[in-house]
Each structure stands twice: as structure tokens, then as C-alpha cells.
Protein backbone atom coordinates (compact mmCIF):
# COMPACT_ATOMS: atom_id res chain seq x y z
CA MET A 1 14.45 -160.78 109.54
CA GLU A 2 12.48 -160.46 106.35
CA GLN A 3 9.28 -160.42 108.37
CA ASN A 4 10.56 -157.44 110.37
CA VAL A 5 11.45 -155.49 107.22
CA GLY A 6 8.08 -156.30 105.64
CA SER A 7 6.16 -155.29 108.74
CA LEU A 8 8.15 -152.06 109.00
CA GLN A 9 7.38 -151.20 105.38
CA GLU A 10 3.72 -151.96 105.97
CA GLN A 11 3.66 -149.76 109.09
CA ALA A 12 5.33 -146.93 107.17
CA ARG A 13 2.75 -147.23 104.36
CA LYS A 14 -0.11 -147.12 106.89
CA ARG A 15 1.43 -144.06 108.53
CA LYS A 16 1.70 -142.30 105.16
CA ASP A 17 -1.94 -143.07 104.42
CA ARG A 18 -3.06 -141.68 107.77
CA LEU A 19 -1.04 -138.50 107.26
CA LYS A 20 -2.47 -138.03 103.78
CA ALA A 21 -6.00 -138.52 105.11
CA LEU A 22 -5.37 -135.92 107.80
CA ARG A 23 -4.03 -133.43 105.25
CA ASP A 24 -7.03 -133.99 102.98
CA LYS A 25 -9.42 -133.59 105.90
CA LYS A 26 -7.69 -130.43 106.99
CA LEU A 27 -7.85 -128.79 103.56
CA HIS A 28 -11.34 -130.13 102.68
CA VAL A 29 -9.98 -130.84 99.27
CA SER A 30 -12.33 -131.13 96.36
CA PHE A 31 -10.25 -131.30 93.23
CA GLN A 32 -11.31 -129.81 89.92
CA GLU A 33 -10.12 -130.85 86.49
CA ASP A 34 -6.91 -128.79 86.67
CA GLY A 35 -5.94 -130.42 89.97
CA GLU A 36 -6.01 -127.25 92.15
CA PRO A 37 -8.33 -127.28 95.15
CA GLU A 38 -11.43 -125.03 94.91
CA ASN A 39 -11.01 -123.56 98.38
CA LYS A 40 -7.44 -122.55 97.52
CA LYS A 41 -8.60 -120.69 94.38
CA ALA A 42 -11.41 -118.98 96.23
CA ALA A 43 -9.08 -117.91 99.02
CA THR A 44 -6.57 -116.37 96.62
CA GLU A 45 -9.27 -114.45 94.73
CA GLU A 46 -10.72 -113.12 97.99
CA ASN A 47 -7.24 -112.11 99.20
CA ILE A 48 -6.58 -110.17 95.99
CA GLU A 49 -9.90 -108.32 96.24
CA GLU A 50 -9.28 -107.59 99.92
CA LYS A 51 -5.81 -106.23 99.17
CA HIS A 52 -7.19 -103.91 96.50
CA ARG A 53 -9.81 -102.59 98.91
CA SER A 54 -7.34 -102.05 101.77
CA VAL A 55 -4.58 -100.43 99.67
CA TYR A 56 -4.86 -96.69 99.56
CA LEU A 57 -2.56 -95.05 97.09
CA ARG A 58 -0.43 -92.37 98.71
CA LEU A 59 1.91 -90.37 96.54
CA ARG A 60 4.84 -89.03 98.52
CA ASN A 61 7.63 -88.50 95.99
CA TYR A 62 5.59 -88.33 92.80
CA THR A 63 3.73 -85.27 91.54
CA PRO A 64 0.85 -86.56 89.41
CA GLU A 65 -0.60 -84.68 86.45
CA ASP A 66 -4.05 -86.21 86.78
CA GLU A 67 -6.49 -84.30 88.99
CA GLU A 68 -7.86 -87.52 90.59
CA LEU A 69 -4.36 -88.57 91.66
CA LYS A 70 -3.44 -85.10 92.99
CA VAL A 71 -5.97 -85.70 95.77
CA ARG A 72 -3.90 -88.66 96.97
CA GLN A 73 -0.64 -86.73 97.05
CA VAL A 74 0.85 -86.44 100.55
CA PRO A 75 1.80 -82.87 101.51
CA LYS A 76 5.51 -82.15 101.73
CA VAL A 77 6.91 -82.27 105.25
CA LYS A 78 9.91 -80.29 106.40
CA PRO A 79 12.51 -82.35 108.26
CA ALA A 80 12.82 -81.66 111.97
CA SER A 81 15.70 -79.48 113.05
CA VAL A 82 18.56 -81.57 114.40
CA GLU A 83 19.89 -78.65 116.43
CA ASP A 84 16.63 -78.39 118.39
CA LYS A 85 16.61 -82.11 119.17
CA VAL A 86 20.24 -82.06 120.31
CA LYS A 87 19.64 -78.97 122.44
CA ASP A 88 16.65 -80.64 124.12
CA GLN A 89 18.67 -83.78 124.82
CA LEU A 90 21.55 -81.78 126.29
CA GLU A 91 19.18 -79.85 128.54
CA ALA A 92 17.58 -83.08 129.70
CA ALA A 93 21.00 -84.65 130.38
CA ASN A 94 22.25 -81.75 132.53
CA PRO A 95 20.06 -81.53 135.64
CA GLU A 96 20.56 -78.61 138.00
CA PRO A 97 23.14 -79.52 140.65
CA ILE A 98 21.79 -79.77 144.18
CA ILE A 99 24.49 -78.67 146.59
CA GLU A 100 22.64 -79.64 149.77
CA GLU A 101 22.58 -83.35 148.93
CA VAL A 102 26.28 -83.67 148.05
CA ASP A 103 28.28 -85.45 150.76
CA LEU A 104 31.97 -84.65 150.54
CA ALA A 105 32.92 -87.86 152.38
CA ASN A 106 31.44 -89.91 149.54
CA LEU A 107 33.30 -87.89 146.92
CA ALA A 108 36.74 -88.23 148.49
CA PRO A 109 38.68 -91.30 147.37
CA ARG A 110 39.19 -93.97 150.00
CA LYS A 111 42.59 -94.89 151.27
CA PRO A 112 43.95 -98.22 150.04
CA ASP A 113 43.76 -99.81 153.49
CA TRP A 114 40.17 -98.84 154.37
CA ASP A 115 38.93 -102.43 154.17
CA LEU A 116 41.69 -103.65 156.49
CA LYS A 117 40.77 -101.00 159.05
CA ARG A 118 37.11 -102.00 158.80
CA ASP A 119 37.91 -105.67 159.39
CA VAL A 120 40.26 -105.01 162.31
CA ALA A 121 38.00 -102.43 164.04
CA LYS A 122 36.29 -104.98 166.37
CA LYS A 123 39.60 -106.41 167.52
CA LEU A 124 40.96 -102.91 168.11
CA GLU A 125 37.95 -102.08 170.30
CA LYS A 126 38.71 -105.07 172.55
CA LEU A 127 42.37 -104.09 172.75
CA GLU A 128 41.46 -100.49 173.54
CA ARG A 129 39.30 -101.59 176.49
CA ARG A 130 42.09 -103.83 177.81
CA THR A 131 44.59 -101.01 177.41
CA GLN A 132 42.37 -98.60 179.36
CA ARG A 133 41.97 -101.16 182.17
CA ALA A 134 45.74 -101.74 182.31
CA ILE A 135 46.42 -97.98 182.45
CA ALA A 136 43.84 -97.54 185.23
CA GLU A 137 45.43 -100.39 187.20
CA LEU A 138 48.92 -98.91 186.81
CA ILE A 139 47.66 -95.55 188.06
CA ARG A 140 46.05 -97.21 191.07
CA ASP A 141 49.30 -99.07 191.85
CA ARG A 142 51.28 -95.83 191.68
CA LEU A 143 48.76 -94.08 193.90
CA ARG A 144 48.99 -96.90 196.47
CA GLY A 145 52.78 -96.72 196.30
CA SER A 146 52.73 -92.96 196.62
CA GLU A 147 50.32 -93.20 199.59
CA ASP A 148 52.85 -95.39 201.38
CA GLU A 149 55.65 -93.00 200.48
CA LEU A 150 53.47 -90.05 201.44
CA ALA A 151 52.63 -91.62 204.80
CA GLY A 152 56.31 -92.33 205.32
CA ALA A 153 57.21 -88.77 204.32
CA VAL A 154 54.55 -87.34 206.62
CA GLY A 155 55.81 -89.50 209.46
CA ALA A 156 59.35 -88.42 208.78
CA VAL A 157 58.35 -84.78 208.72
CA GLY A 158 56.43 -85.18 211.99
CA VAL A 159 59.48 -86.77 213.63
CA GLU A 160 61.70 -83.95 212.46
CA GLU A 161 59.30 -81.32 213.75
CA GLY A 162 59.00 -83.10 217.07
CA ASP A 163 62.77 -83.11 217.41
CA SER A 164 63.08 -79.40 216.80
CA ASP A 165 60.60 -78.47 219.49
């Protein structure tokens, strides 16, 4: 077991050395006497000079007495009117109503059983057709029965007329 611990420590030391070498290679470190890398010092000095060049002094809330600084003073701006902004938003939110496109059927609330009627509609169509057929058949039966009665009535009337002659 001691060999495993020793080899693990050795592997960890090698890993640390490799990481340090990579860091040094990445930074291109050349140390001076004070221990700070040259490229780090140069970078910070360049950054400071760059910041001074890019910063432009703008005086918004301060009224300078010096003539050179008065040039950099930002002119006073009046705040925008809140009423105008609100009025514009209200006008944009209220479009003109278009009466032609309004469908009253869509506006009316649906009855609570509309979905049941929709689901049962196909079955009702079948039942309606069967009902119509049954009614037609009943009418035909009555007509056949009335034809027989009518023929019998006509025959009876003919017999009565023949007797009276």
C-alpha cells in the first residue's frame, strides 16, 4: 500500500509541475527583481494611458468656473412630458372599432351543453334518417290500407247505386 501512496504523491507532483509550466508558458513570465512580471507591468501602464485617452470629461450636474471646463459642460435637457407619452400610449392602445368584422355569434356566450350537442350530432343524424324512413313507411302502409278501404267503399257505393236503379 505504501507503494501506491508514494506513486500517487509522485503523480500529483508531476501534475503540479506540468500545470506550473503551462502557466509560465502562457504568461511568458520574465521576472524582475521585485517579482512582478514585466508584461503585467507594461499591460497595466498601457491600460491606464488608454483609459485616459478614451475618457472624455462631461459635466452634467456641475457648473465649472474655468473657461476650459465650460466647453465640456453638457447642455441642460428638459424632461419629456409624461402627459404626452401617456396620451400617445392610450391612442395606440385604442384602435378604431371595425363593425363589419364583428361576428355576433362569436360574442354570445355558449350554452353549457354545447360540447355534448357537438359530440352527439353524428348519432342524431343517423337517428334522424331512420326516423324519416320509418315515417315514410308508416305513411305508405296507411295509404295501402286506405286504398283497400277506398276500393271497398267504392264497391259498396257502386252496389248501392246499382240497387237504386
